[in-house]
Amino acid sequence: MGTRMDILDKSPAEIVEILKQIGEQGFRGKQVVNWLYKGIEDFDDMTNLPMTVRTKLRERYVIGRVNQMEKIVSDKGDTIKYLCLLHDDNIIEDVVMGYDYGNTLCLSTQVGCRMGCSFCESTRQGLIRNLEVGEMVAQVLMANTDMGTVGTGERNIRNIVLMGSGEPLDNYDNVVKFLRLIHDPETLNIGYRNITLSTCGLVPGIRRLADEDMPITLAISLHAPNDKLRRRIMPAASAYGILEIVEAAKYYFERTGRRVSFEYSLMDGINDGSDEAMELGKLLGDFPCHVNVIPINTIEGAPYNRSPEARIQLFEKNLRSAGIQVTRRRELGQDIGGACGQLKSGYLNDFDGESFS
C-alpha cells in the first residue's frame, strides 16, 4: 500500500472528517461511506463525487481489499471456503456457511496464531501479524461481492463469527473497532446479536470486552474440564486457569446479559469420556451457559482422532443429565477441509517459493 492509508480502517465519522480536512463538505464523506460498503474498490467508480474529490482521495488513500486466490464450494452448496491474499503476500482463509437464518461469515483476525492449540492447523506457523481493521472489513465485502451483492447495497452476510485464524482478543483494539464499524447503521448494520467472538480464554480480554457495551455472543474454547488436561491440549491455557475463565465468563454474562457458549471439541480417548463429561457438568452446573459439542476434524499429523459416534452421543447425554444445555455443532463442508487452516496449509505445501503477487 506504500504510504497511502487504507480508508476501510476509518469509521464513518472519521471519513467525514477526512473530507473536511481536504477542503470538501462533510456530506461528501457520507457519499464515500455509502460507496465503500456497497463494495466499490476504486475511487473512480464513486460517480457522484467530482473528479477533483476522487483525485484527492486516491492520492492519500487506498481502498483495501483481500484478493480471492481460491474458492471451494461444498457438494451440498451450503459452505464456501476462500483462500485470500493480502497486500503483503500473506494468506488468510474465510468460510461462508449457509443457515436458515442467513449466511454466516467465519473470518480471520490474525495471520497465524500464537495460541498453539494442538488441534488447530492455523497455529502451526505461529503468529505472523495482526490484521488491521480494514482487512477484516474487506473480508466481509469480499464475501458480499462474490455472492453478487456488490453495488446493490444488500447485505448477503447477515452473521459474523470471529473463528477463523487468530485469537481475536490478542488483536483487541483492532477487533473492537471492526465490530463497532460493521455494526454502524451507515456501514453494514450488522446487529451485535448476530456477531460471535471465539476466544481461547484470555481472561483480561474477556473482562475488558464485557465493559464495552457491545453485547455480542462470547464463545470460549474450553475443550477440557480441568487445567491439567486443558494445558495438554492448549499450551496457552497455562496462563489462565479454568476457574478464572469461568469467573470471567460469569462477569461477561452479568454485564451483557448474553449467555456464554463454551466450545468443546471431542477427541477420542483424550477428553471425551464419561468422567470428563461429569466433571464439566459439575464445573458449569450453576451457570446459565451453553456447551457447543464439536466432533473434531482430524488433521494429518495431529495427536488425536475424532471420537466415535457412540462416545459423542454419550458425552452429550451425560452433560444434559447434569443440567447443561448442549448442542452439537452442525458439520458443514467436510468435503472441502473442515478444519481452519487446512486450505491454506495445503496451498503452502504446494507452493514453490515464488512471489504470490
Protein backbone atom coordinates (compact mmCIF):
# COMPACT_ATOMS: atom_id res chain seq x y z
CA MET A 1 0.00 0.00 0.00
CA GLY A 2 3.01 2.31 0.23
CA THR A 3 2.46 5.49 2.22
CA ARG A 4 -1.25 5.65 1.41
CA MET A 5 -3.57 4.54 4.20
CA ASP A 6 -6.45 2.12 3.90
CA ILE A 7 -9.67 4.11 4.07
CA LEU A 8 -11.53 0.99 5.25
CA ASP A 9 -9.67 1.40 8.56
CA LYS A 10 -11.74 4.52 9.18
CA SER A 11 -15.17 4.91 10.78
CA PRO A 12 -17.90 6.93 9.04
CA ALA A 13 -17.22 9.88 11.38
CA GLU A 14 -13.51 9.70 10.59
CA ILE A 15 -14.21 9.64 6.84
CA VAL A 16 -16.42 12.72 7.12
CA GLU A 17 -13.54 14.44 8.94
CA ILE A 18 -11.10 13.33 6.23
CA LEU A 19 -13.23 15.02 3.57
CA LYS A 20 -13.35 18.22 5.59
CA GLN A 21 -9.57 18.14 6.02
CA ILE A 22 -9.06 18.03 2.25
CA GLY A 23 -11.32 21.03 1.79
CA GLU A 24 -14.60 19.30 0.97
CA GLN A 25 -18.01 19.38 2.60
CA GLY A 26 -18.88 16.73 5.16
CA PHE A 27 -21.73 15.27 3.12
CA ARG A 28 -19.12 14.02 0.65
CA GLY A 29 -17.83 11.75 3.39
CA LYS A 30 -21.23 10.14 3.72
CA GLN A 31 -21.23 9.53 -0.03
CA VAL A 32 -17.83 7.86 0.23
CA VAL A 33 -19.03 5.61 3.07
CA ASN A 34 -22.07 4.59 1.04
CA TRP A 35 -19.89 3.55 -1.88
CA LEU A 36 -17.36 1.70 0.25
CA TYR A 37 -19.95 -0.52 1.89
CA LYS A 38 -21.56 -1.33 -1.41
CA GLY A 39 -18.22 -2.98 -2.18
CA ILE A 40 -16.77 -0.43 -4.59
CA GLU A 41 -12.98 -0.93 -4.87
CA ASP A 42 -11.93 2.12 -6.90
CA PHE A 43 -12.46 5.78 -6.07
CA ASP A 44 -13.13 6.44 -9.78
CA ASP A 45 -16.30 4.34 -9.50
CA MET A 46 -17.76 6.79 -6.97
CA THR A 47 -19.60 8.54 -9.76
CA ASN A 48 -21.47 11.13 -7.70
CA LEU A 49 -18.20 12.60 -6.43
CA PRO A 50 -16.46 15.30 -8.50
CA MET A 51 -13.25 14.16 -10.17
CA THR A 52 -11.25 16.57 -8.00
CA VAL A 53 -12.51 14.83 -4.85
CA ARG A 54 -11.74 11.39 -6.23
CA THR A 55 -8.23 12.53 -7.13
CA LYS A 56 -7.59 13.90 -3.63
CA LEU A 57 -8.73 10.64 -2.08
CA ARG A 58 -6.68 8.48 -4.43
CA GLU A 59 -3.54 10.49 -3.64
CA ARG A 60 -3.91 9.87 0.09
CA TYR A 61 -5.78 6.57 0.47
CA VAL A 62 -6.36 3.13 -0.98
CA ILE A 63 -9.47 1.01 -0.69
CA GLY A 64 -8.13 -2.11 0.95
CA ARG A 65 -9.14 -5.49 -0.34
CA VAL A 66 -8.44 -9.18 0.04
CA ASN A 67 -7.83 -10.92 -3.25
CA GLN A 68 -9.55 -14.23 -3.77
CA MET A 69 -6.94 -16.84 -4.68
CA GLU A 70 -9.06 -19.95 -4.46
CA LYS A 71 -12.69 -20.78 -3.82
CA ILE A 72 -14.08 -24.20 -2.95
CA VAL A 73 -17.80 -24.94 -2.69
CA SER A 74 -19.06 -27.98 -0.79
CA ASP A 75 -21.00 -30.65 -2.65
CA LYS A 76 -24.20 -29.58 -0.89
CA GLY A 77 -23.55 -25.94 -1.71
CA ASP A 78 -24.00 -24.89 1.92
CA THR A 79 -20.37 -23.97 2.59
CA ILE A 80 -17.79 -21.93 0.69
CA LYS A 81 -14.12 -21.71 1.64
CA TYR A 82 -11.96 -18.87 0.36
CA LEU A 83 -8.19 -18.60 0.27
CA CYS A 84 -7.38 -14.88 0.29
CA LEU A 85 -4.22 -12.93 -0.49
CA LEU A 86 -3.35 -9.79 1.48
CA HIS A 87 -1.35 -6.81 0.18
CA ASP A 88 1.90 -8.11 1.75
CA ASP A 89 1.59 -11.63 0.26
CA ASN A 90 0.28 -13.14 3.48
CA ILE A 91 -2.64 -15.55 3.17
CA ILE A 92 -5.80 -15.99 5.25
CA GLU A 93 -8.95 -18.09 4.98
CA ASP A 94 -12.64 -17.28 5.19
CA VAL A 95 -15.65 -19.58 5.25
CA VAL A 96 -19.27 -18.76 4.41
CA MET A 97 -21.83 -21.13 5.91
CA GLY A 98 -25.45 -21.19 4.83
CA TYR A 99 -28.12 -21.44 7.53
CA ASP A 100 -31.89 -20.98 7.52
CA TYR A 101 -31.44 -17.66 9.31
CA GLY A 102 -28.95 -16.31 6.76
CA ASN A 103 -25.37 -16.63 5.62
CA THR A 104 -22.67 -16.59 8.27
CA LEU A 105 -19.09 -15.50 7.55
CA CYS A 106 -16.29 -17.02 9.60
CA LEU A 107 -13.45 -14.54 9.27
CA SER A 108 -9.83 -14.26 10.40
CA THR A 109 -8.41 -11.70 12.82
CA GLN A 110 -4.72 -12.55 12.55
CA VAL A 111 -2.30 -14.11 10.09
CA GLY A 112 -1.47 -17.26 12.01
CA CYS A 113 -1.89 -17.54 15.77
CA ARG A 114 0.31 -17.71 18.84
CA MET A 115 -2.04 -19.82 20.98
CA GLY A 116 -0.57 -23.19 20.00
CA CYS A 117 -3.71 -25.35 20.29
CA SER A 118 -2.79 -28.89 19.28
CA PHE A 119 -5.96 -29.44 17.23
CA CYS A 120 -5.68 -26.27 15.10
CA GLU A 121 -3.86 -26.11 11.78
CA SER A 122 -3.69 -22.29 11.80
CA THR A 123 -1.35 -22.10 14.77
CA ARG A 124 1.39 -24.32 13.38
CA GLN A 125 3.35 -21.43 11.85
CA GLY A 126 2.85 -19.21 14.88
CA LEU A 127 1.66 -15.62 14.76
CA ILE A 128 2.82 -13.66 11.73
CA ARG A 129 0.91 -10.42 12.37
CA ASN A 130 -2.39 -8.88 13.41
CA LEU A 131 -4.95 -7.95 10.79
CA GLU A 132 -5.87 -4.28 10.53
CA VAL A 133 -9.47 -3.08 10.83
CA GLY A 134 -9.81 -2.58 7.08
CA GLU A 135 -8.52 -6.08 6.34
CA MET A 136 -11.31 -7.54 8.45
CA VAL A 137 -13.89 -5.26 6.82
CA ALA A 138 -12.56 -6.28 3.39
CA GLN A 139 -13.25 -9.94 4.16
CA VAL A 140 -16.95 -9.16 4.61
CA LEU A 141 -17.07 -7.04 1.47
CA MET A 142 -15.26 -9.76 -0.49
CA ALA A 143 -17.89 -12.32 0.51
CA ASN A 144 -20.75 -9.96 -0.38
CA THR A 145 -19.10 -9.22 -3.72
CA ASP A 146 -18.60 -12.89 -4.52
CA MET A 147 -22.26 -13.54 -3.76
CA GLY A 148 -23.38 -10.92 -6.23
CA THR A 149 -24.45 -8.17 -3.84
CA VAL A 150 -21.73 -5.68 -4.81
CA GLY A 151 -23.16 -2.32 -5.81
CA THR A 152 -26.68 -3.18 -4.67
CA GLY A 153 -26.45 -2.17 -1.03
CA GLU A 154 -27.81 -5.58 0.00
CA ARG A 155 -26.18 -7.44 2.88
CA ASN A 156 -25.76 -11.08 1.93
CA ILE A 157 -23.69 -11.76 5.04
CA ARG A 158 -26.06 -11.50 7.99
CA ASN A 159 -23.93 -13.03 10.72
CA ILE A 160 -20.26 -12.81 11.64
CA VAL A 161 -18.23 -15.31 13.65
CA LEU A 162 -14.66 -14.47 14.59
CA MET A 163 -13.50 -18.06 14.46
CA GLY A 164 -11.04 -18.05 11.56
CA SER A 165 -7.28 -17.92 12.04
CA GLY A 166 -6.10 -15.94 15.04
CA GLU A 167 -7.12 -15.18 18.61
CA PRO A 168 -9.44 -12.14 18.42
CA LEU A 169 -8.64 -10.92 21.95
CA ASP A 170 -4.93 -10.99 21.05
CA ASN A 171 -5.74 -8.25 18.49
CA TYR A 172 -8.12 -6.50 20.85
CA ASP A 173 -8.19 -2.85 19.73
CA ASN A 174 -8.49 -3.60 16.02
CA VAL A 175 -11.18 -6.25 16.59
CA VAL A 176 -13.32 -3.98 18.78
CA LYS A 177 -13.10 -1.12 16.28
CA PHE A 178 -14.01 -3.54 13.48
CA LEU A 179 -17.07 -4.78 15.37
CA ARG A 180 -18.28 -1.25 16.12
CA LEU A 181 -17.71 -0.33 12.49
CA ILE A 182 -19.71 -3.16 10.91
CA HIS A 183 -22.48 -2.56 13.47
CA ASP A 184 -22.81 1.08 12.40
CA PRO A 185 -26.10 1.72 10.52
CA GLU A 186 -24.12 3.71 7.92
CA THR A 187 -21.93 0.71 7.04
CA LEU A 188 -23.17 -2.90 7.23
CA ASN A 189 -25.64 -2.51 10.13
CA ILE A 190 -24.89 -5.99 11.47
CA GLY A 191 -26.53 -6.40 14.87
CA TYR A 192 -24.36 -7.26 17.85
CA ARG A 193 -26.58 -10.28 18.49
CA ASN A 194 -25.56 -11.53 15.06
CA ILE A 195 -21.86 -11.49 15.98
CA THR A 196 -19.93 -14.21 17.83
CA LEU A 197 -16.36 -13.85 19.07
CA SER A 198 -14.44 -17.02 19.89
CA THR A 199 -11.54 -16.89 22.32
CA CYS A 200 -9.15 -19.38 23.90
CA GLY A 201 -9.96 -17.77 27.24
CA LEU A 202 -7.78 -14.66 27.59
CA VAL A 203 -9.24 -13.53 30.90
CA PRO A 204 -8.24 -9.83 30.83
CA GLY A 205 -9.67 -9.51 27.33
CA ILE A 206 -12.95 -11.17 28.32
CA ARG A 207 -13.39 -8.80 31.25
CA ARG A 208 -12.47 -5.79 29.13
CA LEU A 209 -14.90 -6.85 26.42
CA ALA A 210 -17.66 -7.20 28.99
CA ASP A 211 -17.37 -3.46 29.71
CA GLU A 212 -17.53 -2.33 26.07
CA ASP A 213 -21.35 -2.08 25.97
CA MET A 214 -21.25 -4.33 22.93
CA PRO A 215 -23.43 -7.38 23.66
CA ILE A 216 -22.02 -9.84 21.16
CA THR A 217 -22.07 -13.58 21.80
CA LEU A 218 -18.94 -14.83 23.53
CA ALA A 219 -17.71 -18.35 22.74
CA ILE A 220 -14.89 -19.72 24.89
CA SER A 221 -12.80 -22.63 23.65
CA LEU A 222 -12.65 -24.84 26.73
CA HIS A 223 -12.08 -28.39 25.41
CA ALA A 224 -11.36 -29.84 28.86
CA PRO A 225 -12.93 -29.81 32.33
CA ASN A 226 -9.69 -29.32 34.28
CA ASP A 227 -6.42 -27.45 34.00
CA LYS A 228 -4.15 -30.47 33.68
CA LEU A 229 -5.94 -31.79 30.60
CA ARG A 230 -6.56 -28.36 29.12
CA ARG A 231 -2.89 -27.43 29.29
CA ARG A 232 -2.05 -30.62 27.45
CA ILE A 233 -4.47 -29.70 24.63
CA MET A 234 -3.95 -25.93 24.67
CA PRO A 235 -0.45 -24.79 25.74
CA ALA A 236 -1.54 -21.16 26.01
CA ALA A 237 -4.09 -22.22 28.61
CA SER A 238 -1.37 -22.31 31.24
CA ALA A 239 -1.67 -18.53 31.57
CA TYR A 240 -5.23 -18.70 32.95
CA GLY A 241 -6.87 -21.46 34.97
CA ILE A 242 -10.29 -22.84 34.16
CA LEU A 243 -11.83 -21.35 37.30
CA GLU A 244 -10.51 -17.91 36.30
CA ILE A 245 -12.02 -18.34 32.84
CA VAL A 246 -15.41 -19.41 34.20
CA GLU A 247 -15.44 -16.43 36.59
CA ALA A 248 -14.64 -14.10 33.70
CA ALA A 249 -17.46 -15.72 31.69
CA LYS A 250 -19.87 -15.12 34.57
CA TYR A 251 -18.77 -11.48 34.67
CA TYR A 252 -19.43 -11.22 30.93
CA PHE A 253 -22.91 -12.65 31.41
CA GLU A 254 -23.65 -10.25 34.28
CA ARG A 255 -22.50 -7.20 32.29
CA THR A 256 -24.08 -8.05 28.92
CA GLY A 257 -26.98 -10.38 29.67
CA ARG A 258 -25.64 -12.62 26.90
CA ARG A 259 -25.35 -16.32 27.62
CA VAL A 260 -21.80 -17.56 27.12
CA SER A 261 -21.10 -20.57 24.93
CA PHE A 262 -18.30 -22.99 25.82
CA GLU A 263 -16.80 -24.76 22.81
CA TYR A 264 -15.78 -28.37 23.47
CA SER A 265 -14.00 -30.31 20.72
CA LEU A 266 -14.23 -34.05 21.32
CA MET A 267 -11.02 -36.08 20.82
CA ASP A 268 -11.09 -39.83 21.01
CA GLY A 269 -9.75 -41.12 24.31
CA ILE A 270 -8.45 -37.69 25.38
CA ASN A 271 -11.35 -35.56 26.61
CA ASP A 272 -14.50 -37.44 25.57
CA GLY A 273 -15.11 -39.85 28.45
CA SER A 274 -17.95 -40.01 30.95
CA ASP A 275 -15.63 -38.78 33.72
CA GLU A 276 -14.79 -35.66 31.71
CA ALA A 277 -18.46 -35.03 30.94
CA MET A 278 -19.41 -35.34 34.62
CA GLU A 279 -16.54 -33.06 35.67
CA LEU A 280 -17.56 -30.48 33.08
CA GLY A 281 -21.16 -30.66 34.25
CA LYS A 282 -20.06 -30.01 37.82
CA LEU A 283 -17.85 -27.09 36.72
CA LEU A 284 -20.64 -25.33 34.83
CA GLY A 285 -23.71 -26.58 36.66
CA ASP A 286 -24.59 -23.34 38.47
CA PHE A 287 -24.04 -21.09 35.45
CA PRO A 288 -26.73 -20.41 32.78
CA CYS A 289 -24.37 -21.16 29.90
CA HIS A 290 -24.34 -23.41 26.88
CA VAL A 291 -21.92 -26.10 25.71
CA ASN A 292 -21.32 -26.50 22.00
CA VAL A 293 -20.03 -30.02 21.35
CA ILE A 294 -17.79 -30.25 18.29
CA PRO A 295 -16.71 -33.58 16.79
CA ILE A 296 -13.12 -32.70 15.98
CA ASN A 297 -11.80 -32.55 12.43
CA THR A 298 -8.90 -34.98 12.12
CA ILE A 299 -5.74 -33.26 10.87
CA GLU A 300 -2.84 -35.26 9.45
CA GLY A 301 -0.03 -35.46 11.99
CA ALA A 302 -2.13 -34.24 14.92
CA PRO A 303 -2.05 -36.32 18.14
CA TYR A 304 -5.74 -37.19 18.23
CA ASN A 305 -8.63 -38.73 16.32
CA ARG A 306 -12.32 -37.96 16.03
CA SER A 307 -14.42 -39.55 18.77
CA PRO A 308 -16.66 -42.46 17.73
CA GLU A 309 -20.31 -41.54 17.32
CA ALA A 310 -21.39 -43.57 20.34
CA ARG A 311 -18.98 -41.68 22.61
CA ILE A 312 -20.14 -38.33 21.20
CA GLN A 313 -23.76 -39.16 21.96
CA LEU A 314 -22.94 -40.47 25.44
CA PHE A 315 -20.94 -37.31 26.23
CA GLU A 316 -23.91 -35.15 25.24
CA LYS A 317 -26.28 -37.31 27.29
CA ASN A 318 -24.09 -37.05 30.38
CA LEU A 319 -23.94 -33.28 30.10
CA ARG A 320 -27.70 -32.99 29.77
CA SER A 321 -28.10 -35.22 32.81
CA ALA A 322 -26.02 -32.67 34.71
CA GLY A 323 -28.44 -29.91 33.68
CA ILE A 324 -26.23 -28.37 30.99
CA GLN A 325 -27.76 -27.04 27.77
CA VAL A 326 -25.95 -28.77 24.93
CA THR A 327 -25.97 -28.53 21.17
CA ARG A 328 -23.84 -30.29 18.62
CA ARG A 329 -22.27 -28.05 16.07
CA ARG A 330 -23.74 -28.60 12.64
CA GLU A 331 -21.00 -30.05 10.46
CA LEU A 332 -20.72 -28.19 7.20
CA GLY A 333 -18.30 -28.54 4.33
CA GLN A 334 -16.45 -31.64 5.48
CA ASP A 335 -15.71 -32.43 1.85
CA ILE A 336 -13.75 -29.19 1.44
CA GLY A 337 -11.50 -29.46 4.51
CA GLY A 338 -13.39 -28.71 7.69
CA ALA A 339 -10.53 -27.62 9.92
CA CYS A 340 -9.49 -24.00 9.99
CA GLY A 341 -6.20 -23.58 8.14
CA GLN A 342 -6.39 -26.75 6.06
CA LEU A 343 -6.90 -24.96 2.75
CA LYS A 344 -4.01 -22.57 3.43
CA SER A 345 -1.77 -25.39 4.64
CA GLY A 346 -2.39 -27.41 1.51
CA TYR A 347 -1.63 -24.42 -0.68
CA LEU A 348 1.61 -23.59 1.11
CA ASN A 349 2.76 -27.21 0.92
CA ASP A 350 2.44 -26.99 -2.85
CA PHE A 351 4.00 -23.52 -3.12
CA ASP A 352 7.33 -23.42 -4.95
CA GLY A 353 8.69 -20.27 -3.28
CA GLU A 354 7.90 -17.67 -5.94
CA SER A 355 6.13 -14.41 -5.07
CA PHE A 356 2.34 -14.58 -4.80
CA SER A 357 1.85 -11.17 -6.40
